[in-house]
Amino acid sequence: MAAVLRPQEERFEPMRAQDLDEVIAVERDIYPFPWTRGNFQDALAAGYSAWLLRAPHGSLIAYAVVMVALDEAHLLNLSVARLYQRRGYGWRMLDWMARCARDEGARTMLLEVRPSNAPALGLYARYGFQRIGVRRGYYPAHGGREDAIVMRISL
C-alpha cells in the first residue's frame, strides 16, 4: 500500500523572544501606531498567553496576546499579516485564543477595537462579541486620539 501524503497545515506555536523581529515587522507593516518591541517583551515576561499561527513553510500568518486574570481574559493584540488578511486566519487566531483563555479558567473575554477598524469590528461581531462601552481617546491617531469600542463575550 502506498503512503498518502497530506498537505501540511498551518500550526500554532507559543510566541518566544526570538520571534519578535518577525512579529514587529508585521506589526509595523499593518498598523500606523504599532505595538513596540517593549510591549511584546513585557507581555512575554508577564506570562501572558501569546501565540503565533505559521504557514506550513514557516511564514508568520498571525499572532495574538491575551492576558488572563482570575476568570476574565483581555485580548490585547490580534493581528494578521497583510498577505494573509481576509482569508479566515483572524477567525482561526481568535478561536484559538478563546480556547486558550478558557483552558486558563477565563469565563469571559474583553477587547478594545478602533471604530475605524471595520474588518476587526466585523470579525468580533460575527464571533459573538457584544459592544459594552466606549473608552474615550484610548488610541493614538493622526491629528489626536481615537476612541475604543469595548466588546465582551462569554466563553
Protein backbone atom coordinates (compact mmCIF):
# COMPACT_ATOMS: atom_id res chain seq x y z
CA MET A 1 0.00 0.00 0.00
CA ALA A 2 1.38 3.40 -0.94
CA ALA A 3 1.58 6.12 1.66
CA VAL A 4 -0.84 9.00 1.16
CA LEU A 5 0.82 12.37 1.55
CA ARG A 6 -1.33 15.10 3.02
CA PRO A 7 -0.53 18.77 2.69
CA GLN A 8 0.85 20.23 5.87
CA GLU A 9 -1.47 22.53 7.74
CA GLU A 10 -0.83 25.81 9.47
CA ARG A 11 0.33 25.42 13.05
CA PHE A 12 0.00 27.34 16.30
CA GLU A 13 3.18 27.98 18.31
CA PRO A 14 3.83 29.86 21.54
CA MET A 15 5.40 33.26 20.87
CA ARG A 16 9.02 33.45 22.06
CA ALA A 17 11.53 36.28 22.33
CA GLN A 18 13.32 35.03 19.20
CA ASP A 19 10.08 35.55 17.21
CA LEU A 20 9.87 39.27 17.98
CA ASP A 21 11.80 40.55 14.93
CA GLU A 22 9.23 38.85 12.71
CA VAL A 23 6.28 39.96 14.84
CA ILE A 24 7.49 43.57 14.92
CA ALA A 25 7.96 43.60 11.13
CA VAL A 26 4.31 42.56 10.64
CA GLU A 27 3.11 44.95 13.36
CA ARG A 28 4.85 47.90 11.68
CA ASP A 29 3.53 46.91 8.26
CA ILE A 30 -0.14 46.77 9.23
CA TYR A 31 -0.58 49.48 11.86
CA PRO A 32 0.06 53.23 11.80
CA PHE A 33 0.61 53.05 15.60
CA PRO A 34 2.14 49.60 16.21
CA TRP A 35 2.99 47.93 19.47
CA THR A 36 6.66 48.30 20.32
CA ARG A 37 9.17 45.54 20.92
CA GLY A 38 8.96 46.52 24.59
CA ASN A 39 5.18 45.92 24.62
CA PHE A 40 5.69 42.38 23.34
CA GLN A 41 8.67 41.74 25.64
CA ASP A 42 6.65 42.90 28.64
CA ALA A 43 3.74 40.63 27.66
CA LEU A 44 6.05 37.63 27.37
CA ALA A 45 7.81 38.46 30.65
CA ALA A 46 4.44 38.75 32.40
CA GLY A 47 3.48 35.28 31.20
CA TYR A 48 0.57 36.38 29.04
CA SER A 49 -0.79 33.84 26.57
CA ALA A 50 0.96 34.81 23.32
CA TRP A 51 0.69 32.67 20.20
CA LEU A 52 1.71 32.61 16.55
CA LEU A 53 -0.01 30.98 13.59
CA ARG A 54 2.51 29.85 10.98
CA ALA A 55 2.10 28.64 7.41
CA PRO A 56 3.41 25.15 6.56
CA HIS A 57 6.55 26.73 5.09
CA GLY A 58 7.09 28.77 8.28
CA SER A 59 5.84 32.23 7.33
CA LEU A 60 4.11 34.17 10.07
CA ILE A 61 0.38 34.37 9.33
CA ALA A 62 -0.99 35.84 12.57
CA TYR A 63 -0.28 36.42 16.25
CA ALA A 64 -2.19 37.32 19.37
CA VAL A 65 -1.68 38.19 23.03
CA VAL A 66 -4.20 37.59 25.81
CA MET A 67 -3.92 38.45 29.48
CA VAL A 68 -5.91 36.20 31.80
CA ALA A 69 -6.70 37.34 35.35
CA LEU A 70 -8.95 35.19 37.52
CA ASP A 71 -11.93 34.34 35.31
CA GLU A 72 -11.55 37.14 32.75
CA ALA A 73 -9.38 37.33 29.65
CA HIS A 74 -8.37 40.53 27.89
CA LEU A 75 -7.43 40.24 24.21
CA LEU A 76 -4.63 42.77 23.93
CA ASN A 77 -3.48 42.22 20.35
CA LEU A 78 -4.68 40.09 17.44
CA SER A 79 -3.02 40.72 14.10
CA VAL A 80 -2.89 39.06 10.70
CA ALA A 81 -0.02 39.70 8.28
CA ARG A 82 -1.12 41.73 5.26
CA LEU A 83 -0.57 38.85 2.80
CA TYR A 84 -2.98 36.61 4.76
CA GLN A 85 -5.76 39.08 5.59
CA ARG A 86 -9.37 38.43 4.58
CA ARG A 87 -8.77 34.65 4.33
CA GLY A 88 -10.21 33.42 7.63
CA TYR A 89 -7.00 33.49 9.64
CA GLY A 90 -8.25 36.18 12.01
CA TRP A 91 -11.15 33.88 12.93
CA ARG A 92 -8.79 30.93 13.46
CA MET A 93 -6.48 33.00 15.66
CA LEU A 94 -9.39 34.43 17.67
CA ASP A 95 -10.89 30.98 18.16
CA TRP A 96 -7.53 29.58 19.29
CA MET A 97 -7.07 32.41 21.80
CA ALA A 98 -10.60 31.95 23.16
CA ARG A 99 -9.88 28.25 23.70
CA CYS A 100 -6.55 29.05 25.38
CA ALA A 101 -8.26 31.57 27.67
CA ARG A 102 -10.97 29.05 28.57
CA ASP A 103 -8.28 26.48 29.34
CA GLU A 104 -6.72 29.01 31.74
CA GLY A 105 -10.05 29.44 33.55
CA ALA A 106 -11.46 32.54 31.82
CA ARG A 107 -15.23 32.73 31.56
CA THR A 108 -15.37 36.00 29.61
CA MET A 109 -13.10 37.84 27.20
CA LEU A 110 -12.86 41.61 26.72
CA LEU A 111 -11.20 43.62 23.98
CA GLU A 112 -10.87 47.15 22.66
CA VAL A 113 -11.06 47.93 18.96
CA ARG A 114 -10.85 51.12 16.94
CA PRO A 115 -14.19 52.25 15.46
CA SER A 116 -12.24 52.86 12.21
CA ASN A 117 -11.19 49.18 12.03
CA ALA A 118 -14.26 47.84 10.22
CA PRO A 119 -12.77 44.41 9.38
CA ALA A 120 -11.92 43.74 13.05
CA LEU A 121 -15.31 45.00 14.23
CA GLY A 122 -16.99 42.64 11.77
CA LEU A 123 -14.87 39.69 12.87
CA TYR A 124 -15.56 40.25 16.55
CA ALA A 125 -19.30 40.73 16.00
CA ARG A 126 -19.53 37.57 13.85
CA TYR A 127 -17.67 35.64 16.55
CA GLY A 128 -20.25 36.77 19.11
CA PHE A 129 -18.65 39.72 20.91
CA GLN A 130 -21.11 42.34 22.15
CA ARG A 131 -20.39 46.04 22.43
CA ILE A 132 -20.44 47.06 26.10
CA GLY A 133 -18.92 50.53 26.11
CA VAL A 134 -16.50 53.12 24.80
CA ARG A 135 -13.13 54.29 26.10
CA ARG A 136 -12.76 57.92 25.05
CA GLY A 137 -9.46 58.92 23.45
CA TYR A 138 -7.96 55.46 24.01
CA TYR A 139 -5.85 55.12 20.86
CA PRO A 140 -3.28 57.45 19.32
CA ALA A 141 -4.44 58.70 15.93
CA HIS A 142 -3.26 61.08 13.27
CA GLY A 143 -4.28 64.51 14.49
CA GLY A 144 -5.26 63.44 18.00
CA ARG A 145 -6.84 60.42 19.68
CA GLU A 146 -9.42 57.82 18.67
CA ASP A 147 -11.99 56.18 20.93
CA ALA A 148 -12.05 52.44 21.54
CA ILE A 149 -15.14 50.29 21.36
CA VAL A 150 -15.12 47.83 24.26
CA MET A 151 -16.54 44.39 23.49
CA ARG A 152 -17.13 41.25 25.56
CA ILE A 153 -18.05 37.62 25.01
CA SER A 154 -18.86 34.76 27.35
CA LEU A 155 -16.53 31.85 26.83
